[in-house]
Amino acid sequence: MRSLAWKIGLVQAVLLALYAVATEVNALRDHSHVGSPLIAMIIMLILSALMFVVNLGVKGGHSAARTPYFMVQIFAVLIAAQFLQGSKVGVEARFAWGAVLVSAVAGFIALFRTPAD
């Protein structure tokens, strides 16, 4: 189960990095002046890198990586649930946030079922 948890976490980290870059590209294309898309991208890339480091700990079987991994999954569930409850969310966004929700629950269960070292 640790292998499954690691793979789920790796996919989440990579997709967060891709989302960060896509957000910046979209803001540049639309000439957005709302907030700072560059700062948002930098923050998301840092979070993605931290998620990757936690996933390396999970892959290596380090028990210290379990709590941060669980916290990432809990935050992903909370964020996805908030976006899924929005009234102005399109079908594509609902599908994407539903996938985030399912992957977070699957990652939580996969690591929970893995015995701690």
C-alpha atoms as a PDB file:
ATOM      1  CA  MET A   1       0.000   0.000   0.000  1.00  0.00           C
ATOM      2  CA  ARG A   2       2.955   2.334   0.558  1.00  0.00           C
ATOM      3  CA  SER A   3       3.724   2.127  -3.152  1.00  0.00           C
ATOM      4  CA  LEU A   4       0.172   3.183  -4.005  1.00  0.00           C
ATOM      5  CA  ALA A   5       0.281   6.062  -1.516  1.00  0.00           C
ATOM      6  CA  TRP A   6       3.591   7.230  -2.971  1.00  0.00           C
ATOM      7  CA  LYS A   7       2.266   7.109  -6.537  1.00  0.00           C
ATOM      8  CA  ILE A   8      -0.878   9.039  -5.595  1.00  0.00           C
ATOM      9  CA  GLY A   9       1.196  11.680  -3.833  1.00  0.00           C
ATOM     10  CA  LEU A  10       3.566  11.922  -6.783  1.00  0.00           C
ATOM     11  CA  VAL A  11       0.691  12.471  -9.208  1.00  0.00           C
ATOM     12  CA  GLN A  12      -0.761  15.133  -6.895  1.00  0.00           C
ATOM     13  CA  ALA A  13       2.578  16.975  -6.680  1.00  0.00           C
ATOM     14  CA  VAL A  14       3.113  16.903 -10.444  1.00  0.00           C
ATOM     15  CA  LEU A  15      -0.438  18.039 -11.179  1.00  0.00           C
ATOM     16  CA  LEU A  16      -0.133  20.909  -8.694  1.00  0.00           C
ATOM     17  CA  ALA A  17       3.042  22.052 -10.470  1.00  0.00           C
ATOM     18  CA  LEU A  18       1.299  21.827 -13.854  1.00  0.00           C
ATOM     19  CA  TYR A  19      -1.692  23.747 -12.488  1.00  0.00           C
ATOM     20  CA  ALA A  20       0.642  26.457 -11.184  1.00  0.00           C
ATOM     21  CA  VAL A  21       2.255  26.918 -14.582  1.00  0.00           C
ATOM     22  CA  ALA A  22      -1.110  26.809 -16.377  1.00  0.00           C
ATOM     23  CA  THR A  23      -2.467  29.493 -14.059  1.00  0.00           C
ATOM     24  CA  GLU A  24       0.460  31.791 -14.848  1.00  0.00           C
ATOM     25  CA  VAL A  25       0.214  31.149 -18.592  1.00  0.00           C
ATOM     26  CA  ASN A  26      -3.525  31.835 -18.521  1.00  0.00           C
ATOM     27  CA  ALA A  27      -3.009  35.075 -16.592  1.00  0.00           C
ATOM     28  CA  LEU A  28      -0.348  36.227 -19.061  1.00  0.00           C
ATOM     29  CA  ARG A  29      -2.553  35.354 -22.020  1.00  0.00           C
ATOM     30  CA  ASP A  30      -5.531  37.242 -20.606  1.00  0.00           C
ATOM     31  CA  HIS A  31      -3.390  40.146 -19.338  1.00  0.00           C
ATOM     32  CA  SER A  32      -4.835  39.652 -15.860  1.00  0.00           C
ATOM     33  CA  HIS A  33      -4.155  42.356 -13.289  1.00  0.00           C
ATOM     34  CA  VAL A  34      -6.066  40.685 -10.458  1.00  0.00           C
ATOM     35  CA  GLY A  35      -3.684  39.768  -7.653  1.00  0.00           C
ATOM     36  CA  SER A  36      -0.270  38.486  -8.592  1.00  0.00           C
ATOM     37  CA  PRO A  37      -0.380  35.304 -10.661  1.00  0.00           C
ATOM     38  CA  LEU A  38       3.416  35.057 -10.579  1.00  0.00           C
ATOM     39  CA  ILE A  39       3.478  34.967  -6.774  1.00  0.00           C
ATOM     40  CA  ALA A  40       0.652  32.415  -6.757  1.00  0.00           C
ATOM     41  CA  MET A  41       2.620  30.256  -9.195  1.00  0.00           C
ATOM     42  CA  ILE A  42       5.773  30.477  -7.067  1.00  0.00           C
ATOM     43  CA  ILE A  43       3.857  29.507  -3.916  1.00  0.00           C
ATOM     44  CA  MET A  44       2.195  26.553  -5.656  1.00  0.00           C
ATOM     45  CA  LEU A  45       5.542  25.371  -7.066  1.00  0.00           C
ATOM     46  CA  ILE A  46       7.078  25.519  -3.577  1.00  0.00           C
ATOM     47  CA  LEU A  47       4.136  23.528  -2.191  1.00  0.00           C
ATOM     48  CA  SER A  48       4.517  21.022  -5.013  1.00  0.00           C
ATOM     49  CA  ALA A  49       8.226  20.612  -4.205  1.00  0.00           C
ATOM     50  CA  LEU A  50       7.409  20.102  -0.518  1.00  0.00           C
ATOM     51  CA  MET A  51       4.791  17.502  -1.448  1.00  0.00           C
ATOM     52  CA  PHE A  52       7.443  15.735  -3.532  1.00  0.00           C
ATOM     53  CA  VAL A  53       9.859  15.686  -0.579  1.00  0.00           C
ATOM     54  CA  VAL A  54       7.150  14.242   1.678  1.00  0.00           C
ATOM     55  CA  ASN A  55       6.422  11.607  -0.962  1.00  0.00           C
ATOM     56  CA  LEU A  56      10.094  10.613  -1.027  1.00  0.00           C
ATOM     57  CA  GLY A  57       9.833  10.070   2.723  1.00  0.00           C
ATOM     58  CA  VAL A  58       6.738   7.930   2.243  1.00  0.00           C
ATOM     59  CA  LYS A  59       8.484   5.914  -0.462  1.00  0.00           C
ATOM     60  CA  GLY A  60      11.475   5.378   1.819  1.00  0.00           C
ATOM     61  CA  GLY A  61       9.221   4.193   4.626  1.00  0.00           C
ATOM     62  CA  HIS A  62      10.097   7.017   7.025  1.00  0.00           C
ATOM     63  CA  SER A  63       7.434   7.291   9.695  1.00  0.00           C
ATOM     64  CA  ALA A  64       8.078  11.055  10.030  1.00  0.00           C
ATOM     65  CA  ALA A  65       6.606  11.541   6.553  1.00  0.00           C
ATOM     66  CA  ARG A  66       3.238  10.040   7.474  1.00  0.00           C
ATOM     67  CA  THR A  67       1.803  13.062   9.316  1.00  0.00           C
ATOM     68  CA  PRO A  68       2.653  15.625   6.589  1.00  0.00           C
ATOM     69  CA  TYR A  69       1.261  13.224   3.980  1.00  0.00           C
ATOM     70  CA  PHE A  70      -1.976  12.854   5.925  1.00  0.00           C
ATOM     71  CA  MET A  71      -2.203  16.641   6.345  1.00  0.00           C
ATOM     72  CA  VAL A  72      -1.827  17.178   2.583  1.00  0.00           C
ATOM     73  CA  GLN A  73      -4.633  14.705   1.943  1.00  0.00           C
ATOM     74  CA  ILE A  74      -6.896  16.322   4.545  1.00  0.00           C
ATOM     75  CA  PHE A  75      -6.309  19.785   3.065  1.00  0.00           C
ATOM     76  CA  ALA A  76      -6.971  18.441  -0.438  1.00  0.00           C
ATOM     77  CA  VAL A  77     -10.313  17.002   0.724  1.00  0.00           C
ATOM     78  CA  LEU A  78     -11.294  20.278   2.390  1.00  0.00           C
ATOM     79  CA  ILE A  79     -10.370  22.394  -0.637  1.00  0.00           C
ATOM     80  CA  ALA A  80     -12.049  20.052  -3.122  1.00  0.00           C
ATOM     81  CA  ALA A  81     -15.221  19.937  -1.016  1.00  0.00           C
ATOM     82  CA  GLN A  82     -15.361  23.744  -0.940  1.00  0.00           C
ATOM     83  CA  PHE A  83     -15.000  24.005  -4.715  1.00  0.00           C
ATOM     84  CA  LEU A  84     -17.537  21.253  -5.350  1.00  0.00           C
ATOM     85  CA  GLN A  85     -20.135  23.109  -3.283  1.00  0.00           C
ATOM     86  CA  GLY A  86     -19.791  26.294  -5.344  1.00  0.00           C
ATOM     87  CA  SER A  87     -22.862  27.232  -7.358  1.00  0.00           C
ATOM     88  CA  LYS A  88     -20.962  28.677 -10.327  1.00  0.00           C
ATOM     89  CA  VAL A  89     -18.677  25.717 -10.902  1.00  0.00           C
ATOM     90  CA  GLY A  90     -18.781  24.202 -14.399  1.00  0.00           C
ATOM     91  CA  VAL A  91     -18.937  20.515 -15.254  1.00  0.00           C
ATOM     92  CA  GLU A  92     -15.229  20.332 -16.112  1.00  0.00           C
ATOM     93  CA  ALA A  93     -14.244  21.947 -12.819  1.00  0.00           C
ATOM     94  CA  ARG A  94     -16.568  19.643 -10.870  1.00  0.00           C
ATOM     95  CA  PHE A  95     -14.964  16.638 -12.558  1.00  0.00           C
ATOM     96  CA  ALA A  96     -11.450  17.913 -11.788  1.00  0.00           C
ATOM     97  CA  TRP A  97     -12.227  18.705  -8.138  1.00  0.00           C
ATOM     98  CA  GLY A  98     -14.021  15.367  -7.821  1.00  0.00           C
ATOM     99  CA  ALA A  99     -10.831  13.676  -9.029  1.00  0.00           C
ATOM    100  CA  VAL A 100      -8.839  15.630  -6.411  1.00  0.00           C
ATOM    101  CA  LEU A 101     -11.287  14.499  -3.737  1.00  0.00           C
ATOM    102  CA  VAL A 102     -11.133  10.840  -4.793  1.00  0.00           C
ATOM    103  CA  SER A 103      -7.316  10.844  -5.040  1.00  0.00           C
ATOM    104  CA  ALA A 104      -6.983  12.443  -1.606  1.00  0.00           C
ATOM    105  CA  VAL A 105      -9.269   9.881   0.006  1.00  0.00           C
ATOM    106  CA  ALA A 106      -7.473   7.048  -1.813  1.00  0.00           C
ATOM    107  CA  GLY A 107      -4.068   8.364  -0.695  1.00  0.00           C
ATOM    108  CA  PHE A 108      -5.256   8.696   2.893  1.00  0.00           C
ATOM    109  CA  ILE A 109      -6.626   5.150   2.936  1.00  0.00           C
ATOM    110  CA  ALA A 110      -3.551   3.711   1.189  1.00  0.00           C
ATOM    111  CA  LEU A 111      -1.123   5.173   3.716  1.00  0.00           C
ATOM    112  CA  PHE A 112      -3.427   4.471   6.655  1.00  0.00           C
ATOM    113  CA  ARG A 113      -3.452   0.791   5.726  1.00  0.00           C
ATOM    114  CA  THR A 114       0.363   0.757   5.559  1.00  0.00           C
ATOM    115  CA  PRO A 115       1.886  -0.233   8.893  1.00  0.00           C
ATOM    116  CA  ALA A 116       4.198   2.366  10.432  1.00  0.00           C
ATOM    117  CA  ASP A 117       7.870   1.419  10.635  1.00  0.00           C
END
